[in-house]
Amino acid sequence: MFLNAPLYVRGIFTYCELPKSPIPGITQSIDFISERRAMVKPIRITYTASGGVLTNTDGTHILLLIRPARDEVRLPKGHMEPEESAMNAALREVAEETGYDDIEIIADLGEQLVAFPLGDKVVRRTEHYFLMRARSLHQTERPDLDEHQFFTIWVPWDEVITHLTFEAEHEWIRRARRIIERNT
């Protein structure tokens, strides 16, 4: 005989079957623990972020951010401010994180929901991305926080996906590449 017990593992609820004990009292203890676990809800953090797939002036390379403290290579993006449009947030965040401020939006790449555990929390982030092009390689001074946590690198299209840390960002590269190929 088995007991279907909810378990909280890495910030996500899952279920497993636990054998019921033939010893009186043990089954009741397992039932009590299972009921208590079922009442615990994970803390959820929900927010919206916006960012960009930024090409160089020739459209041959993509800008990636290296974040050594977290051992990440990723695309530039960040939180949307209240009342800020996804497009304005993307332009602001890309400029803040990369320093490149002479950029334009070529196409809207859409949005996707990304969920992941973070400690004892579950983060649900709606990400909105745009295909962007640097009109020039002019850079402005970045905020200290961004300057110290990110290094920028230009990577050829064919190598971008192999460098990205997060699988969810591969889709943005695929979408951007399809748009570039259609327009050339």
N, C-alpha and C. Protein backbone atom coordinates (compact mmCIF):
# COMPACT_ATOMS: atom_id res chain seq x y z
N MET A 1 0.85 -1.17 0.00
CA MET A 1 0.00 0.00 0.00
C MET A 1 0.90 1.23 0.00
N PHE A 2 0.50 2.26 -0.79
CA PHE A 2 1.33 3.44 -0.92
C PHE A 2 0.53 4.70 -0.60
N LEU A 3 1.22 5.72 -0.18
CA LEU A 3 0.66 7.02 0.13
C LEU A 3 1.21 8.01 -0.88
N ASN A 4 0.36 8.75 -1.57
CA ASN A 4 0.81 9.76 -2.53
C ASN A 4 1.11 11.04 -1.74
N ALA A 5 2.37 11.37 -1.60
CA ALA A 5 2.78 12.48 -0.74
C ALA A 5 3.36 13.63 -1.54
N PRO A 6 2.88 14.88 -1.29
CA PRO A 6 3.49 16.02 -1.96
C PRO A 6 4.84 16.33 -1.35
N LEU A 7 5.80 16.63 -2.17
CA LEU A 7 7.12 17.01 -1.71
C LEU A 7 7.50 18.34 -2.33
N TYR A 8 8.27 19.14 -1.59
CA TYR A 8 8.74 20.43 -2.07
C TYR A 8 10.22 20.27 -2.38
N VAL A 9 10.56 20.23 -3.67
CA VAL A 9 11.95 19.98 -4.08
C VAL A 9 12.42 21.13 -4.96
N ARG A 10 13.50 21.76 -4.56
CA ARG A 10 14.11 22.86 -5.34
C ARG A 10 13.08 23.90 -5.78
N GLY A 11 12.19 24.26 -4.86
CA GLY A 11 11.24 25.32 -5.14
C GLY A 11 10.03 24.90 -5.94
N ILE A 12 9.88 23.63 -6.24
CA ILE A 12 8.76 23.18 -7.06
C ILE A 12 8.10 22.00 -6.37
N PHE A 13 6.74 22.02 -6.35
CA PHE A 13 6.03 20.88 -5.78
C PHE A 13 6.06 19.71 -6.73
N THR A 14 6.24 18.52 -6.17
CA THR A 14 6.16 17.29 -6.94
C THR A 14 5.50 16.25 -6.05
N TYR A 15 5.15 15.14 -6.60
CA TYR A 15 4.51 14.08 -5.81
C TYR A 15 5.30 12.80 -5.95
N CYS A 16 5.31 12.03 -4.88
CA CYS A 16 5.93 10.71 -4.95
C CYS A 16 5.11 9.76 -4.09
N GLU A 17 5.27 8.49 -4.34
CA GLU A 17 4.55 7.49 -3.56
C GLU A 17 5.45 7.00 -2.44
N LEU A 18 4.95 7.08 -1.23
CA LEU A 18 5.66 6.59 -0.07
C LEU A 18 4.95 5.34 0.43
N PRO A 19 5.69 4.30 0.80
CA PRO A 19 5.01 3.11 1.33
C PRO A 19 4.36 3.43 2.66
N LYS A 20 3.13 2.93 2.87
CA LYS A 20 2.47 3.09 4.17
C LYS A 20 3.08 2.06 5.12
N SER A 21 3.29 2.50 6.32
CA SER A 21 3.91 1.62 7.31
C SER A 21 2.88 0.68 7.92
N PRO A 22 3.26 -0.59 8.09
CA PRO A 22 2.36 -1.52 8.77
C PRO A 22 2.33 -1.28 10.28
N ILE A 23 3.21 -0.45 10.79
CA ILE A 23 3.28 -0.20 12.23
C ILE A 23 2.27 0.90 12.57
N PRO A 24 1.37 0.65 13.53
CA PRO A 24 0.38 1.67 13.92
C PRO A 24 1.09 2.95 14.37
N GLY A 25 0.54 4.09 13.99
CA GLY A 25 1.12 5.37 14.38
C GLY A 25 2.04 5.95 13.32
N ILE A 26 2.80 5.09 12.64
CA ILE A 26 3.72 5.56 11.60
C ILE A 26 2.91 6.09 10.42
N THR A 27 1.87 5.36 10.02
CA THR A 27 1.05 5.79 8.89
C THR A 27 0.41 7.14 9.22
N GLN A 28 -0.08 7.30 10.43
CA GLN A 28 -0.71 8.56 10.81
C GLN A 28 0.32 9.69 10.79
N SER A 29 1.54 9.43 11.20
CA SER A 29 2.59 10.46 11.17
C SER A 29 2.90 10.87 9.74
N ILE A 30 2.98 9.89 8.85
CA ILE A 30 3.24 10.19 7.44
C ILE A 30 2.08 11.00 6.88
N ASP A 31 0.82 10.62 7.23
CA ASP A 31 -0.34 11.38 6.78
C ASP A 31 -0.29 12.82 7.29
N PHE A 32 0.09 13.00 8.56
CA PHE A 32 0.16 14.33 9.15
C PHE A 32 1.22 15.18 8.42
N ILE A 33 2.41 14.61 8.20
CA ILE A 33 3.48 15.33 7.48
C ILE A 33 3.03 15.68 6.07
N SER A 34 2.38 14.75 5.40
CA SER A 34 1.91 14.99 4.04
C SER A 34 0.89 16.13 4.00
N GLU A 35 -0.02 16.15 4.98
CA GLU A 35 -1.01 17.22 5.02
C GLU A 35 -0.34 18.57 5.25
N ARG A 36 0.66 18.61 6.11
CA ARG A 36 1.37 19.87 6.38
C ARG A 36 2.14 20.33 5.14
N ARG A 37 2.78 19.41 4.45
CA ARG A 37 3.51 19.78 3.24
C ARG A 37 2.57 20.33 2.18
N ALA A 38 1.36 19.78 2.10
CA ALA A 38 0.40 20.23 1.10
C ALA A 38 -0.05 21.66 1.36
N MET A 39 0.02 22.11 2.62
CA MET A 39 -0.40 23.46 2.96
C MET A 39 0.69 24.49 2.66
N VAL A 40 1.94 24.07 2.54
CA VAL A 40 3.05 24.99 2.27
C VAL A 40 3.02 25.38 0.80
N LYS A 41 3.02 26.66 0.53
CA LYS A 41 3.02 27.16 -0.84
C LYS A 41 4.37 27.83 -1.10
N PRO A 42 4.94 27.60 -2.29
CA PRO A 42 6.21 28.27 -2.58
C PRO A 42 5.98 29.77 -2.76
N ILE A 43 6.98 30.55 -2.39
CA ILE A 43 6.93 31.99 -2.59
C ILE A 43 7.18 32.24 -4.07
N ARG A 44 6.30 32.99 -4.70
CA ARG A 44 6.44 33.26 -6.13
C ARG A 44 6.83 34.72 -6.34
N ILE A 45 7.79 34.92 -7.20
CA ILE A 45 8.19 36.26 -7.63
C ILE A 45 7.80 36.35 -9.10
N THR A 46 7.03 37.34 -9.45
CA THR A 46 6.58 37.52 -10.82
C THR A 46 6.94 38.92 -11.28
N TYR A 47 7.57 39.01 -12.44
CA TYR A 47 7.88 40.33 -13.00
C TYR A 47 8.07 40.22 -14.51
N THR A 48 8.17 41.36 -15.16
CA THR A 48 8.35 41.42 -16.60
C THR A 48 9.70 42.05 -16.89
N ALA A 49 10.41 41.47 -17.85
CA ALA A 49 11.72 41.98 -18.27
C ALA A 49 11.69 42.21 -19.77
N SER A 50 12.57 43.08 -20.22
CA SER A 50 12.64 43.38 -21.65
C SER A 50 14.11 43.51 -22.02
N GLY A 51 14.45 43.05 -23.23
CA GLY A 51 15.84 43.10 -23.66
C GLY A 51 15.98 43.01 -25.15
N GLY A 52 17.22 42.80 -25.58
CA GLY A 52 17.44 42.80 -27.01
C GLY A 52 18.52 41.86 -27.49
N VAL A 53 18.37 41.45 -28.74
CA VAL A 53 19.41 40.76 -29.49
C VAL A 53 20.04 41.88 -30.32
N LEU A 54 21.20 42.34 -29.89
CA LEU A 54 21.85 43.50 -30.50
C LEU A 54 22.93 43.06 -31.49
N THR A 55 22.74 43.48 -32.76
CA THR A 55 23.76 43.19 -33.78
C THR A 55 24.69 44.38 -33.91
N ASN A 56 25.89 44.11 -34.42
CA ASN A 56 26.81 45.21 -34.70
C ASN A 56 26.31 45.98 -35.92
N THR A 57 27.03 47.02 -36.33
CA THR A 57 26.58 47.87 -37.44
C THR A 57 26.42 47.10 -38.74
N ASP A 58 27.25 46.08 -38.96
CA ASP A 58 27.17 45.27 -40.18
C ASP A 58 26.17 44.12 -40.08
N GLY A 59 25.68 43.85 -38.88
CA GLY A 59 24.75 42.75 -38.68
C GLY A 59 25.41 41.38 -38.66
N THR A 60 26.72 41.32 -38.51
CA THR A 60 27.45 40.04 -38.57
C THR A 60 27.71 39.42 -37.20
N HIS A 61 27.61 40.21 -36.14
CA HIS A 61 27.90 39.73 -34.79
C HIS A 61 26.79 40.14 -33.83
N ILE A 62 26.66 39.37 -32.75
CA ILE A 62 25.69 39.63 -31.68
C ILE A 62 26.46 39.96 -30.42
N LEU A 63 25.94 40.92 -29.67
CA LEU A 63 26.58 41.31 -28.42
C LEU A 63 26.07 40.43 -27.28
N LEU A 64 26.99 39.83 -26.55
CA LEU A 64 26.65 39.02 -25.38
C LEU A 64 27.26 39.65 -24.14
N LEU A 65 26.64 39.37 -23.01
CA LEU A 65 27.16 39.83 -21.73
C LEU A 65 27.77 38.66 -20.99
N ILE A 66 28.95 38.86 -20.48
CA ILE A 66 29.60 37.87 -19.62
C ILE A 66 29.46 38.38 -18.19
N ARG A 67 28.92 37.53 -17.33
CA ARG A 67 28.71 37.88 -15.92
C ARG A 67 29.52 36.90 -15.08
N PRO A 68 30.79 37.22 -14.83
CA PRO A 68 31.67 36.27 -14.15
C PRO A 68 31.20 35.84 -12.76
N ALA A 69 30.59 36.73 -12.00
CA ALA A 69 30.18 36.39 -10.63
C ALA A 69 29.16 35.25 -10.61
N ARG A 70 28.39 35.09 -11.68
CA ARG A 70 27.39 34.02 -11.75
C ARG A 70 27.76 32.98 -12.79
N ASP A 71 28.92 33.12 -13.40
CA ASP A 71 29.36 32.20 -14.45
C ASP A 71 28.31 32.09 -15.56
N GLU A 72 27.86 33.28 -16.03
CA GLU A 72 26.81 33.33 -17.05
C GLU A 72 27.28 34.07 -18.29
N VAL A 73 26.76 33.65 -19.42
CA VAL A 73 26.85 34.41 -20.66
C VAL A 73 25.42 34.54 -21.14
N ARG A 74 24.97 35.78 -21.34
CA ARG A 74 23.55 35.98 -21.63
C ARG A 74 23.34 37.20 -22.51
N LEU A 75 22.09 37.37 -22.91
CA LEU A 75 21.67 38.54 -23.67
C LEU A 75 21.32 39.66 -22.69
N PRO A 76 21.46 40.91 -23.13
CA PRO A 76 21.09 42.02 -22.24
C PRO A 76 19.58 42.13 -22.07
N LYS A 77 19.16 42.30 -20.83
CA LYS A 77 17.75 42.49 -20.50
C LYS A 77 17.66 42.96 -19.06
N GLY A 78 16.48 43.44 -18.68
CA GLY A 78 16.27 43.86 -17.30
C GLY A 78 14.81 44.16 -17.03
N HIS A 79 14.55 44.49 -15.78
CA HIS A 79 13.18 44.77 -15.32
C HIS A 79 12.58 45.96 -16.05
N MET A 80 11.30 45.83 -16.35
CA MET A 80 10.54 46.96 -16.87
C MET A 80 10.08 47.80 -15.69
N GLU A 81 10.20 49.10 -15.83
CA GLU A 81 9.71 50.02 -14.80
C GLU A 81 8.19 50.15 -14.95
N PRO A 82 7.49 50.52 -13.87
CA PRO A 82 6.04 50.72 -13.98
C PRO A 82 5.73 51.76 -15.07
N GLU A 83 4.72 51.51 -15.84
CA GLU A 83 4.26 52.40 -16.91
C GLU A 83 5.24 52.51 -18.08
N GLU A 84 6.30 51.73 -18.10
CA GLU A 84 7.27 51.76 -19.19
C GLU A 84 6.88 50.72 -20.23
N SER A 85 6.98 51.07 -21.51
CA SER A 85 6.67 50.11 -22.57
C SER A 85 7.81 49.10 -22.69
N ALA A 86 7.50 47.95 -23.25
CA ALA A 86 8.52 46.92 -23.45
C ALA A 86 9.64 47.45 -24.34
N MET A 87 9.30 48.21 -25.37
CA MET A 87 10.29 48.74 -26.29
C MET A 87 11.22 49.73 -25.58
N ASN A 88 10.66 50.67 -24.82
CA ASN A 88 11.50 51.64 -24.10
C ASN A 88 12.36 50.96 -23.04
N ALA A 89 11.80 49.96 -22.37
CA ALA A 89 12.58 49.23 -21.36
C ALA A 89 13.74 48.50 -22.02
N ALA A 90 13.50 47.90 -23.18
CA ALA A 90 14.56 47.17 -23.89
C ALA A 90 15.68 48.12 -24.29
N LEU A 91 15.33 49.26 -24.87
CA LEU A 91 16.35 50.24 -25.27
C LEU A 91 17.16 50.72 -24.05
N ARG A 92 16.46 51.01 -22.96
CA ARG A 92 17.13 51.48 -21.74
C ARG A 92 18.04 50.41 -21.15
N GLU A 93 17.51 49.19 -21.00
CA GLU A 93 18.29 48.11 -20.39
C GLU A 93 19.51 47.73 -21.23
N VAL A 94 19.35 47.65 -22.54
CA VAL A 94 20.49 47.30 -23.40
C VAL A 94 21.56 48.37 -23.28
N ALA A 95 21.16 49.65 -23.30
CA ALA A 95 22.14 50.74 -23.17
C ALA A 95 22.82 50.71 -21.80
N GLU A 96 22.04 50.49 -20.73
CA GLU A 96 22.63 50.47 -19.39
C GLU A 96 23.62 49.32 -19.22
N GLU A 97 23.24 48.13 -19.68
CA GLU A 97 24.07 46.96 -19.44
C GLU A 97 25.27 46.87 -20.38
N THR A 98 25.14 47.43 -21.58
CA THR A 98 26.23 47.29 -22.56
C THR A 98 27.02 48.56 -22.78
N GLY A 99 26.41 49.72 -22.52
CA GLY A 99 27.06 50.99 -22.81
C GLY A 99 26.79 51.49 -24.22
N TYR A 100 26.31 50.63 -25.10
CA TYR A 100 26.00 51.05 -26.47
C TYR A 100 24.66 51.78 -26.46
N ASP A 101 24.70 53.05 -26.83
CA ASP A 101 23.49 53.87 -26.73
C ASP A 101 22.96 54.36 -28.07
N ASP A 102 23.69 54.12 -29.15
CA ASP A 102 23.23 54.52 -30.48
C ASP A 102 22.67 53.27 -31.17
N ILE A 103 21.48 52.85 -30.69
CA ILE A 103 20.89 51.59 -31.16
C ILE A 103 19.47 51.84 -31.65
N GLU A 104 19.01 50.95 -32.53
CA GLU A 104 17.64 51.05 -33.03
C GLU A 104 17.00 49.67 -33.02
N ILE A 105 15.67 49.68 -32.92
CA ILE A 105 14.91 48.44 -32.94
C ILE A 105 14.57 48.10 -34.38
N ILE A 106 14.88 46.87 -34.76
CA ILE A 106 14.59 46.37 -36.11
C ILE A 106 13.26 45.61 -36.13
N ALA A 107 13.03 44.77 -35.11
CA ALA A 107 11.82 43.95 -35.08
C ALA A 107 11.49 43.53 -33.65
N ASP A 108 10.22 43.29 -33.43
CA ASP A 108 9.73 42.75 -32.16
C ASP A 108 9.83 41.23 -32.26
N LEU A 109 10.55 40.61 -31.33
CA LEU A 109 10.72 39.15 -31.34
C LEU A 109 9.67 38.43 -30.50
N GLY A 110 8.82 39.17 -29.81
CA GLY A 110 7.76 38.55 -29.02
C GLY A 110 8.12 38.39 -27.56
N GLU A 111 7.36 37.54 -26.89
CA GLU A 111 7.61 37.30 -25.47
C GLU A 111 7.45 35.83 -25.15
N GLN A 112 8.03 35.46 -24.00
CA GLN A 112 7.88 34.10 -23.50
C GLN A 112 7.94 34.13 -21.98
N LEU A 113 7.32 33.15 -21.37
CA LEU A 113 7.34 33.02 -19.92
C LEU A 113 8.44 32.06 -19.54
N VAL A 114 9.28 32.49 -18.59
CA VAL A 114 10.36 31.65 -18.08
C VAL A 114 10.14 31.49 -16.58
N ALA A 115 10.18 30.26 -16.10
CA ALA A 115 10.03 29.99 -14.67
C ALA A 115 11.22 29.18 -14.19
N PHE A 116 11.72 29.54 -13.01
CA PHE A 116 12.89 28.83 -12.47
C PHE A 116 12.94 28.99 -10.96
N PRO A 117 13.54 28.01 -10.28
CA PRO A 117 13.70 28.12 -8.83
C PRO A 117 14.85 29.06 -8.49
N LEU A 118 14.69 29.80 -7.42
CA LEU A 118 15.74 30.68 -6.91
C LEU A 118 15.70 30.59 -5.39
N GLY A 119 16.56 29.76 -4.84
CA GLY A 119 16.52 29.51 -3.40
C GLY A 119 15.22 28.83 -3.03
N ASP A 120 14.48 29.43 -2.08
CA ASP A 120 13.20 28.86 -1.68
C ASP A 120 12.03 29.50 -2.43
N LYS A 121 12.33 30.21 -3.50
CA LYS A 121 11.31 30.91 -4.27
C LYS A 121 11.18 30.33 -5.67
N VAL A 122 10.07 30.64 -6.32
CA VAL A 122 9.87 30.31 -7.72
C VAL A 122 9.71 31.63 -8.46
N VAL A 123 10.57 31.87 -9.43
CA VAL A 123 10.51 33.10 -10.22
C VAL A 123 9.77 32.81 -11.51
N ARG A 124 8.80 33.65 -11.82
CA ARG A 124 8.06 33.59 -13.09
C ARG A 124 8.28 34.94 -13.77
N ARG A 125 9.03 34.90 -14.85
CA ARG A 125 9.40 36.14 -15.54
C ARG A 125 8.87 36.10 -16.97
N THR A 126 8.12 37.12 -17.36
CA THR A 126 7.71 37.29 -18.74
C THR A 126 8.80 38.12 -19.41
N GLU A 127 9.42 37.55 -20.43
CA GLU A 127 10.51 38.24 -21.14
C GLU A 127 10.02 38.69 -22.51
N HIS A 128 10.31 39.93 -22.84
CA HIS A 128 9.98 40.49 -24.15
C HIS A 128 11.29 40.93 -24.79
N TYR A 129 11.54 40.46 -26.01
CA TYR A 129 12.80 40.77 -26.69
C TYR A 129 12.57 41.44 -28.03
N PHE A 130 13.57 42.21 -28.44
CA PHE A 130 13.57 42.91 -29.72
C PHE A 130 14.89 42.64 -30.44
N LEU A 131 14.82 42.57 -31.75
CA LEU A 131 16.03 42.54 -32.56
C LEU A 131 16.47 43.99 -32.71
N MET A 132 17.74 44.26 -32.41
CA MET A 132 18.27 45.62 -32.43
C MET A 132 19.54 45.66 -33.27
N ARG A 133 19.86 46.86 -33.74
CA ARG A 133 21.10 47.07 -34.48
C ARG A 133 21.79 48.30 -33.91
N ALA A 134 23.10 48.18 -33.75
CA ALA A 134 23.90 49.34 -33.34
C ALA A 134 24.12 50.21 -34.58
N ARG A 135 23.68 51.46 -34.51
CA ARG A 135 23.91 52.39 -35.63
C ARG A 135 25.37 52.83 -35.66
N SER A 136 25.99 52.86 -34.48
CA SER A 136 27.42 53.13 -34.36
C SER A 136 27.90 52.35 -33.15
N LEU A 137 29.19 52.32 -32.94
CA LEU A 137 29.73 51.62 -31.77
C LEU A 137 30.04 52.59 -30.64
N HIS A 138 29.31 53.71 -30.64
CA HIS A 138 29.48 54.71 -29.58
C HIS A 138 29.01 54.11 -28.26
N GLN A 139 29.82 54.31 -27.24
CA GLN A 139 29.45 53.83 -25.91
C GLN A 139 29.41 54.98 -24.93
N THR A 140 28.47 54.89 -24.04
CA THR A 140 28.33 55.87 -22.97
C THR A 140 28.74 55.19 -21.66
N GLU A 141 28.97 55.98 -20.64
CA GLU A 141 29.35 55.41 -19.35
C GLU A 141 28.18 54.62 -18.79
N ARG A 142 28.47 53.43 -18.31
CA ARG A 142 27.43 52.57 -17.75
C ARG A 142 27.31 52.84 -16.25
N PRO A 143 26.12 52.56 -15.68
CA PRO A 143 26.00 52.64 -14.21
C PRO A 143 27.03 51.72 -13.56
N ASP A 144 27.54 52.13 -12.40
CA ASP A 144 28.59 51.36 -11.72
C ASP A 144 28.23 49.89 -11.56
N LEU A 145 26.99 49.61 -11.17
CA LEU A 145 26.58 48.22 -10.96
C LEU A 145 26.75 47.41 -12.24
N ASP A 146 26.29 47.94 -13.37
CA ASP A 146 26.41 47.23 -14.64
C ASP A 146 27.86 47.15 -15.10
N GLU A 147 28.60 48.22 -14.92
CA GLU A 147 30.01 48.27 -15.34
C GLU A 147 30.83 47.17 -14.66
N HIS A 148 30.52 46.92 -13.39
CA HIS A 148 31.31 45.94 -12.63
C HIS A 148 30.83 44.51 -12.75
N GLN A 149 29.59 44.31 -13.15
CA GLN A 149 29.11 42.92 -13.20
C GLN A 149 29.07 42.34 -14.60
N PHE A 150 29.15 43.16 -15.65
CA PHE A 150 29.06 42.65 -17.03
C PHE A 150 30.26 43.07 -17.87
N PHE A 151 30.74 42.13 -18.66
CA PHE A 151 31.70 42.42 -19.72
C PHE A 151 30.99 42.12 -21.03
N THR A 152 31.28 42.91 -22.05
CA THR A 152 30.61 42.69 -23.33
C THR A 152 31.56 42.01 -24.32
N ILE A 153 30.96 41.22 -25.20
CA ILE A 153 31.73 40.55 -26.24
C ILE A 153 30.85 40.42 -27.48
N TRP A 154 31.44 40.69 -28.66
CA TRP A 154 30.74 40.52 -29.93
C TRP A 154 31.06 39.14 -30.47
N VAL A 155 30.03 38.36 -30.78
CA VAL A 155 30.19 36.96 -31.20
C VAL A 155 29.50 36.76 -32.55
N PRO A 156 30.15 36.03 -33.49
CA PRO A 156 29.50 35.76 -34.78
C PRO A 156 28.21 34.96 -34.57
N TRP A 157 27.23 35.18 -35.45
CA TRP A 157 25.93 34.50 -35.38
C TRP A 157 26.07 32.99 -35.15
N ASP A 158 26.96 32.35 -35.88
CA ASP A 158 27.08 30.90 -35.81
C ASP A 158 27.58 30.38 -34.46
N GLU A 159 28.14 31.24 -33.64
CA GLU A 159 28.69 30.81 -32.36
C GLU A 159 27.85 31.23 -31.15
N VAL A 160 26.86 32.07 -31.37
CA VAL A 160 26.12 32.66 -30.25
C VAL A 160 25.49 31.60 -29.36
N ILE A 161 24.71 30.70 -29.92
CA ILE A 161 23.97 29.73 -29.11
C ILE A 161 24.92 28.86 -28.28
N THR A 162 26.09 28.55 -28.80
CA THR A 162 27.02 27.70 -28.04
C THR A 162 27.56 28.41 -26.80
N HIS A 163 27.49 29.73 -26.79
CA HIS A 163 28.01 30.49 -25.65
C HIS A 163 26.96 30.81 -24.59
N LEU A 164 25.70 30.88 -24.99
CA LEU A 164 24.65 31.29 -24.05
C LEU A 164 24.45 30.27 -22.94
N THR A 165 24.33 30.74 -21.73
CA THR A 165 24.13 29.88 -20.57
C THR A 165 22.70 29.34 -20.51
N PHE A 166 21.72 30.15 -20.87
CA PHE A 166 20.32 29.79 -20.65
C PHE A 166 19.65 29.35 -21.94
N GLU A 167 19.08 28.16 -21.90
CA GLU A 167 18.38 27.58 -23.03
C GLU A 167 17.26 28.49 -23.53
N ALA A 168 16.56 29.16 -22.63
CA ALA A 168 15.44 30.02 -23.02
C ALA A 168 15.88 31.14 -23.97
N GLU A 169 17.13 31.56 -23.87
CA GLU A 169 17.63 32.64 -24.74
C GLU A 169 17.97 32.15 -26.15
N HIS A 170 18.11 30.85 -26.33
CA HIS A 170 18.38 30.31 -27.67
C HIS A 170 17.24 30.67 -28.63
N GLU A 171 16.02 30.66 -28.11
CA GLU A 171 14.86 30.96 -28.95
C GLU A 171 14.93 32.38 -29.51
N TRP A 172 15.42 33.32 -28.72
CA TRP A 172 15.53 34.71 -29.21
C TRP A 172 16.52 34.78 -30.38
N ILE A 173 17.58 34.04 -30.29
CA ILE A 173 18.58 34.03 -31.37
C ILE A 173 17.97 33.41 -32.63
N ARG A 174 17.25 32.32 -32.46
CA ARG A 174 16.61 31.67 -33.62
C ARG A 174 15.62 32.61 -34.30
N ARG A 175 14.80 33.28 -33.51
CA ARG A 175 13.81 34.21 -34.08
C ARG A 175 14.51 35.38 -34.79
N ALA A 176 15.53 35.93 -34.16
CA ALA A 176 16.26 37.06 -34.75
C ALA A 176 16.92 36.64 -36.07
N ARG A 177 17.51 35.47 -36.06
CA ARG A 177 18.19 35.00 -37.28
C ARG A 177 17.21 34.80 -38.43
N ARG A 178 16.02 34.27 -38.14
CA ARG A 178 15.01 34.10 -39.19
C ARG A 178 14.63 35.45 -39.81
N ILE A 179 14.50 36.46 -38.99
CA ILE A 179 14.15 37.79 -39.50
C ILE A 179 15.29 38.34 -40.36
N ILE A 180 16.52 38.20 -39.90
CA ILE A 180 17.67 38.68 -40.66
C ILE A 180 17.74 37.96 -42.01
N GLU A 181 17.56 36.65 -42.00
CA GLU A 181 17.66 35.87 -43.25
C GLU A 181 16.53 36.22 -44.22
N ARG A 182 15.34 36.51 -43.72
CA ARG A 182 14.23 36.89 -44.58
C ARG A 182 14.47 38.24 -45.26
N ASN A 183 15.17 39.13 -44.56
CA ASN A 183 15.38 40.49 -45.06
C ASN A 183 16.68 40.68 -45.83
N THR A 184 17.44 39.61 -46.05
CA THR A 184 18.69 39.77 -46.80
C THR A 184 18.64 39.03 -48.11
